[in-house]
PDB file of all heavy atoms in Angstrom:
ATOM      1  N   PRO A   1      24.925  -5.871  -9.547  1.00  0.00           N
ATOM      2  CA  PRO A   1      24.993  -4.483 -10.167  1.00  0.00           C
ATOM      3  C   PRO A   1      23.508  -4.115 -10.653  1.00  0.00           C
ATOM      4  O   PRO A   1      23.310  -2.908 -10.654  1.00  0.00           O
ATOM      5  CB  PRO A   1      25.865  -4.828 -11.450  1.00  0.00           C
ATOM      6  CG  PRO A   1      26.798  -6.049 -10.933  1.00  0.00           C
ATOM      7  CD  PRO A   1      25.873  -6.842 -10.090  1.00  0.00           C
ATOM      8  N   SER A   2      22.794  -5.125 -11.123  1.00  0.00           N
ATOM      9  CA  SER A   2      21.462  -4.801 -11.703  1.00  0.00           C
ATOM     10  C   SER A   2      20.628  -4.168 -10.618  1.00  0.00           C
ATOM     11  O   SER A   2      19.724  -3.374 -10.807  1.00  0.00           O
ATOM     12  CB  SER A   2      20.836  -5.982 -12.310  1.00  0.00           C
ATOM     13  OG  SER A   2      20.759  -6.999 -11.442  1.00  0.00           O
ATOM     14  N   ALA A   3      20.859  -4.605  -9.364  1.00  0.00           N
ATOM     15  CA  ALA A   3      20.107  -4.058  -8.326  1.00  0.00           C
ATOM     16  C   ALA A   3      20.369  -2.657  -7.846  1.00  0.00           C
ATOM     17  O   ALA A   3      19.620  -1.910  -7.505  1.00  0.00           O
ATOM     18  CB  ALA A   3      20.152  -5.028  -7.077  1.00  0.00           C
ATOM     19  N   SER A   4      21.664  -2.243  -8.095  1.00  0.00           N
ATOM     20  CA  SER A   4      22.158  -0.963  -7.631  1.00  0.00           C
ATOM     21  C   SER A   4      22.126   0.061  -8.688  1.00  0.00           C
ATOM     22  O   SER A   4      22.279   1.262  -8.357  1.00  0.00           O
ATOM     23  CB  SER A   4      23.574  -1.049  -6.989  1.00  0.00           C
ATOM     24  OG  SER A   4      24.502  -1.455  -7.857  1.00  0.00           O
ATOM     25  N   ALA A   5      22.098  -0.320 -10.027  1.00  0.00           N
ATOM     26  CA  ALA A   5      22.052   0.676 -11.168  1.00  0.00           C
ATOM     27  C   ALA A   5      20.887   1.457 -11.073  1.00  0.00           C
ATOM     28  O   ALA A   5      19.826   1.139 -10.703  1.00  0.00           O
ATOM     29  CB  ALA A   5      22.318  -0.106 -12.438  1.00  0.00           C
ATOM     30  N   THR A   6      21.000   2.741 -11.924  1.00  0.00           N
ATOM     31  CA  THR A   6      19.925   3.622 -12.235  1.00  0.00           C
ATOM     32  C   THR A   6      18.846   2.832 -12.943  1.00  0.00           C
ATOM     33  O   THR A   6      19.127   2.177 -14.035  1.00  0.00           O
ATOM     34  CB  THR A   6      20.275   4.799 -12.819  1.00  0.00           C
ATOM     35  OG1 THR A   6      21.228   5.498 -12.246  1.00  0.00           O
ATOM     36  CG2 THR A   6      19.093   5.814 -13.080  1.00  0.00           C
ATOM     37  N   PRO A   7      17.519   3.035 -12.595  1.00  0.00           N
ATOM     38  CA  PRO A   7      16.447   2.318 -13.256  1.00  0.00           C
ATOM     39  C   PRO A   7      16.571   2.712 -14.813  1.00  0.00           C
ATOM     40  O   PRO A   7      16.848   3.823 -15.047  1.00  0.00           O
ATOM     41  CB  PRO A   7      15.186   2.856 -12.569  1.00  0.00           C
ATOM     42  CG  PRO A   7      15.614   3.159 -11.315  1.00  0.00           C
ATOM     43  CD  PRO A   7      17.026   3.635 -11.425  1.00  0.00           C
ATOM     44  N   PRO A   8      16.158   1.749 -15.685  1.00  0.00           N
ATOM     45  CA  PRO A   8      16.350   2.158 -17.160  1.00  0.00           C
ATOM     46  C   PRO A   8      15.331   3.297 -17.578  1.00  0.00           C
ATOM     47  O   PRO A   8      14.240   3.442 -16.850  1.00  0.00           O
ATOM     48  CB  PRO A   8      15.959   0.803 -17.865  1.00  0.00           C
ATOM     49  CG  PRO A   8      15.198   0.080 -16.819  1.00  0.00           C
ATOM     50  CD  PRO A   8      15.811   0.444 -15.515  1.00  0.00           C
ATOM     51  N   HIS A   9      15.745   4.033 -18.629  1.00  0.00           N
ATOM     52  CA  HIS A   9      14.875   5.131 -19.071  1.00  0.00           C
ATOM     53  C   HIS A   9      13.598   4.547 -19.676  1.00  0.00           C
ATOM     54  O   HIS A   9      13.645   3.436 -20.264  1.00  0.00           O
ATOM     55  CB  HIS A   9      15.622   6.030 -20.204  1.00  0.00           C
ATOM     56  CG  HIS A   9      16.630   6.797 -19.716  1.00  0.00           C
ATOM     57  ND1 HIS A   9      16.566   7.841 -18.690  1.00  0.00           N
ATOM     58  CD2 HIS A   9      18.012   6.676 -19.804  1.00  0.00           C
ATOM     59  CE1 HIS A   9      17.719   8.354 -18.517  1.00  0.00           C
ATOM     60  NE2 HIS A   9      18.719   7.657 -19.167  1.00  0.00           N
ATOM     61  N   PRO A  10      12.515   5.228 -19.503  1.00  0.00           N
ATOM     62  CA  PRO A  10      11.301   4.684 -20.013  1.00  0.00           C
ATOM     63  C   PRO A  10      11.309   4.684 -21.544  1.00  0.00           C
ATOM     64  O   PRO A  10      12.006   5.611 -22.151  1.00  0.00           O
ATOM     65  CB  PRO A  10      10.294   5.694 -19.585  1.00  0.00           C
ATOM     66  CG  PRO A  10      10.953   6.892 -19.255  1.00  0.00           C
ATOM     67  CD  PRO A  10      12.243   6.455 -18.738  1.00  0.00           C
ATOM     68  N   ALA A  11      10.669   3.890 -22.197  1.00  0.00           N
ATOM     69  CA  ALA A  11      10.548   3.798 -23.718  1.00  0.00           C
ATOM     70  C   ALA A  11      10.042   5.174 -24.190  1.00  0.00           C
ATOM     71  O   ALA A  11       9.199   5.860 -23.604  1.00  0.00           O
ATOM     72  CB  ALA A  11       9.653   2.733 -24.135  1.00  0.00           C
ATOM     73  N   PHE A  12      10.592   5.535 -25.438  1.00  0.00           N
ATOM     74  CA  PHE A  12      10.290   6.875 -25.929  1.00  0.00           C
ATOM     75  C   PHE A  12       8.847   7.077 -26.137  1.00  0.00           C
ATOM     76  O   PHE A  12       8.237   8.114 -25.867  1.00  0.00           O
ATOM     77  CB  PHE A  12      10.967   7.072 -27.268  1.00  0.00           C
ATOM     78  CG  PHE A  12      10.710   8.289 -27.965  1.00  0.00           C
ATOM     79  CD1 PHE A  12      11.246   9.578 -27.520  1.00  0.00           C
ATOM     80  CD2 PHE A  12       9.788   8.401 -29.130  1.00  0.00           C
ATOM     81  CE1 PHE A  12      10.925  10.673 -28.174  1.00  0.00           C
ATOM     82  CE2 PHE A  12       9.549   9.588 -29.796  1.00  0.00           C
ATOM     83  CZ  PHE A  12      10.180  10.777 -29.312  1.00  0.00           C
ATOM     84  N   ASP A  13       8.050   5.951 -26.664  1.00  0.00           N
ATOM     85  CA  ASP A  13       6.597   6.105 -26.905  1.00  0.00           C
ATOM     86  C   ASP A  13       5.818   6.329 -25.645  1.00  0.00           C
ATOM     87  O   ASP A  13       4.651   6.680 -25.773  1.00  0.00           O
ATOM     88  CB  ASP A  13       6.233   4.937 -27.859  1.00  0.00           C
ATOM     89  CG  ASP A  13       6.413   3.676 -27.136  1.00  0.00           C
ATOM     90  OD1 ASP A  13       6.985   3.577 -26.088  1.00  0.00           O
ATOM     91  OD2 ASP A  13       6.163   2.611 -27.832  1.00  0.00           O
ATOM     92  N   THR A  14       6.455   5.874 -24.544  1.00  0.00           N
ATOM     93  CA  THR A  14       5.644   6.178 -23.236  1.00  0.00           C
ATOM     94  C   THR A  14       5.629   7.618 -22.833  1.00  0.00           C
ATOM     95  O   THR A  14       4.839   7.939 -21.938  1.00  0.00           O
ATOM     96  CB  THR A  14       6.241   5.275 -22.169  1.00  0.00           C
ATOM     97  OG1 THR A  14       7.508   5.737 -21.803  1.00  0.00           O
ATOM     98  CG2 THR A  14       6.119   3.757 -22.517  1.00  0.00           C
ATOM     99  N   LEU A  15       6.552   8.335 -23.403  1.00  0.00           N
ATOM    100  CA  LEU A  15       6.528   9.804 -23.052  1.00  0.00           C
ATOM    101  C   LEU A  15       5.597  10.666 -23.793  1.00  0.00           C
ATOM    102  O   LEU A  15       5.388  11.746 -23.489  1.00  0.00           O
ATOM    103  CB  LEU A  15       8.074  10.383 -23.300  1.00  0.00           C
ATOM    104  CG  LEU A  15       9.194   9.785 -22.595  1.00  0.00           C
ATOM    105  CD1 LEU A  15      10.518  10.374 -22.935  1.00  0.00           C
ATOM    106  CD2 LEU A  15       8.962   9.978 -21.057  1.00  0.00           C
ATOM    107  N   LEU A  16       4.996  10.073 -24.953  1.00  0.00           N
ATOM    108  CA  LEU A  16       4.216  10.818 -25.700  1.00  0.00           C
ATOM    109  C   LEU A  16       2.798  10.217 -25.648  1.00  0.00           C
ATOM    110  O   LEU A  16       2.547   9.034 -25.435  1.00  0.00           O
ATOM    111  CB  LEU A  16       4.739  10.706 -27.267  1.00  0.00           C
ATOM    112  CG  LEU A  16       6.075  11.212 -27.460  1.00  0.00           C
ATOM    113  CD1 LEU A  16       6.533  10.975 -28.853  1.00  0.00           C
ATOM    114  CD2 LEU A  16       6.235  12.735 -27.170  1.00  0.00           C
ATOM    115  N   SER A  17       1.850  11.041 -25.970  1.00  0.00           N
ATOM    116  CA  SER A  17       0.540  10.586 -25.982  1.00  0.00           C
ATOM    117  C   SER A  17       0.368   9.699 -27.402  1.00  0.00           C
ATOM    118  O   SER A  17       1.153   9.816 -28.302  1.00  0.00           O
ATOM    119  CB  SER A  17      -0.571  11.677 -26.074  1.00  0.00           C
ATOM    120  OG  SER A  17      -0.317  12.451 -27.237  1.00  0.00           O
ATOM    121  N   PRO A  18      -0.675   8.936 -27.466  1.00  0.00           N
ATOM    122  CA  PRO A  18      -0.886   8.166 -28.695  1.00  0.00           C
ATOM    123  C   PRO A  18      -0.983   9.125 -29.973  1.00  0.00           C
ATOM    124  O   PRO A  18      -0.459   8.772 -31.001  1.00  0.00           O
ATOM    125  CB  PRO A  18      -2.228   7.450 -28.557  1.00  0.00           C
ATOM    126  CG  PRO A  18      -2.308   7.360 -27.081  1.00  0.00           C
ATOM    127  CD  PRO A  18      -1.660   8.498 -26.449  1.00  0.00           C
ATOM    128  N   GLU A  19      -1.647  10.287 -29.793  1.00  0.00           N
ATOM    129  CA  GLU A  19      -1.622  11.267 -30.899  1.00  0.00           C
ATOM    130  C   GLU A  19      -0.382  11.723 -31.267  1.00  0.00           C
ATOM    131  O   GLU A  19       0.055  11.879 -32.499  1.00  0.00           O
ATOM    132  CB  GLU A  19      -2.534  12.449 -30.469  1.00  0.00           C
ATOM    133  CG  GLU A  19      -4.043  12.094 -30.346  1.00  0.00           C
ATOM    134  CD  GLU A  19      -4.354  11.470 -29.022  1.00  0.00           C
ATOM    135  OE1 GLU A  19      -3.379  11.306 -28.148  1.00  0.00           O
ATOM    136  OE2 GLU A  19      -5.408  10.913 -28.835  1.00  0.00           O
ATOM    137  N   GLN A  20       0.521  11.930 -30.279  1.00  0.00           N
ATOM    138  CA  GLN A  20       1.873  12.474 -30.571  1.00  0.00           C
ATOM    139  C   GLN A  20       2.695  11.448 -31.276  1.00  0.00           C
ATOM    140  O   GLN A  20       3.550  11.713 -32.120  1.00  0.00           O
ATOM    141  CB  GLN A  20       2.544  13.022 -29.284  1.00  0.00           C
ATOM    142  CG  GLN A  20       1.856  14.244 -28.793  1.00  0.00           C
ATOM    143  CD  GLN A  20       2.521  14.664 -27.384  1.00  0.00           C
ATOM    144  OE1 GLN A  20       2.799  13.866 -26.541  1.00  0.00           O
ATOM    145  NE2 GLN A  20       2.648  15.999 -27.140  1.00  0.00           N
ATOM    146  N   VAL A  21       2.501  10.173 -30.776  1.00  0.00           N
ATOM    147  CA  VAL A  21       3.360   9.074 -31.377  1.00  0.00           C
ATOM    148  C   VAL A  21       2.939   9.001 -32.944  1.00  0.00           C
ATOM    149  O   VAL A  21       3.831   8.747 -33.791  1.00  0.00           O
ATOM    150  CB  VAL A  21       2.955   7.787 -30.683  1.00  0.00           C
ATOM    151  CG1 VAL A  21       3.590   6.591 -31.454  1.00  0.00           C
ATOM    152  CG2 VAL A  21       3.634   7.735 -29.258  1.00  0.00           C
ATOM    153  N   LYS A  22       1.661   9.130 -33.200  1.00  0.00           N
ATOM    154  CA  LYS A  22       1.156   9.010 -34.656  1.00  0.00           C
ATOM    155  C   LYS A  22       1.864  10.099 -35.395  1.00  0.00           C
ATOM    156  O   LYS A  22       2.160   9.904 -36.475  1.00  0.00           O
ATOM    157  CB  LYS A  22      -0.284   9.075 -34.660  1.00  0.00           C
ATOM    158  CG  LYS A  22      -0.960   8.867 -36.034  1.00  0.00           C
ATOM    159  CD  LYS A  22      -2.394   8.724 -36.011  1.00  0.00           C
ATOM    160  CE  LYS A  22      -2.853   8.600 -37.357  1.00  0.00           C
ATOM    161  NZ  LYS A  22      -2.502   7.395 -38.044  1.00  0.00           N
ATOM    162  N   LEU A  23       1.871  11.308 -34.851  1.00  0.00           N
ATOM    163  CA  LEU A  23       2.457  12.486 -35.533  1.00  0.00           C
ATOM    164  C   LEU A  23       3.928  12.225 -35.801  1.00  0.00           C
ATOM    165  O   LEU A  23       4.336  12.464 -36.989  1.00  0.00           O
ATOM    166  CB  LEU A  23       2.375  13.773 -34.692  1.00  0.00           C
ATOM    167  CG  LEU A  23       0.887  14.336 -34.502  1.00  0.00           C
ATOM    168  CD1 LEU A  23       1.059  15.583 -33.642  1.00  0.00           C
ATOM    169  CD2 LEU A  23       0.408  14.784 -35.837  1.00  0.00           C
ATOM    170  N   VAL A  24       4.624  11.730 -34.861  1.00  0.00           N
ATOM    171  CA  VAL A  24       6.044  11.360 -35.054  1.00  0.00           C
ATOM    172  C   VAL A  24       6.326  10.310 -36.219  1.00  0.00           C
ATOM    173  O   VAL A  24       7.125  10.432 -37.031  1.00  0.00           O
ATOM    174  CB  VAL A  24       6.798  11.009 -33.856  1.00  0.00           C
ATOM    175  CG1 VAL A  24       8.175  10.554 -34.008  1.00  0.00           C
ATOM    176  CG2 VAL A  24       6.826  12.084 -32.740  1.00  0.00           C
ATOM    177  N   GLU A  25       5.412   9.273 -36.117  1.00  0.00           N
ATOM    178  CA  GLU A  25       5.477   8.360 -37.094  1.00  0.00           C
ATOM    179  C   GLU A  25       5.152   8.768 -38.514  1.00  0.00           C
ATOM    180  O   GLU A  25       5.902   8.455 -39.460  1.00  0.00           O
ATOM    181  CB  GLU A  25       4.519   7.197 -36.787  1.00  0.00           C
ATOM    182  CG  GLU A  25       4.928   6.320 -35.477  1.00  0.00           C
ATOM    183  CD  GLU A  25       3.899   5.383 -35.138  1.00  0.00           C
ATOM    184  OE1 GLU A  25       2.721   5.420 -35.639  1.00  0.00           O
ATOM    185  OE2 GLU A  25       4.158   4.424 -34.196  1.00  0.00           O
TER     186      GLU A  25
END
C-alpha cells in the first residue's frame, strides 16, 4: 500500500519562505 498511495503532502513550512514562516509564527 505504501508504494501505491499518493505521496505525502509537503510540510507546511516548506510551502513558505523563511520570512513568511517567521510572520506566521
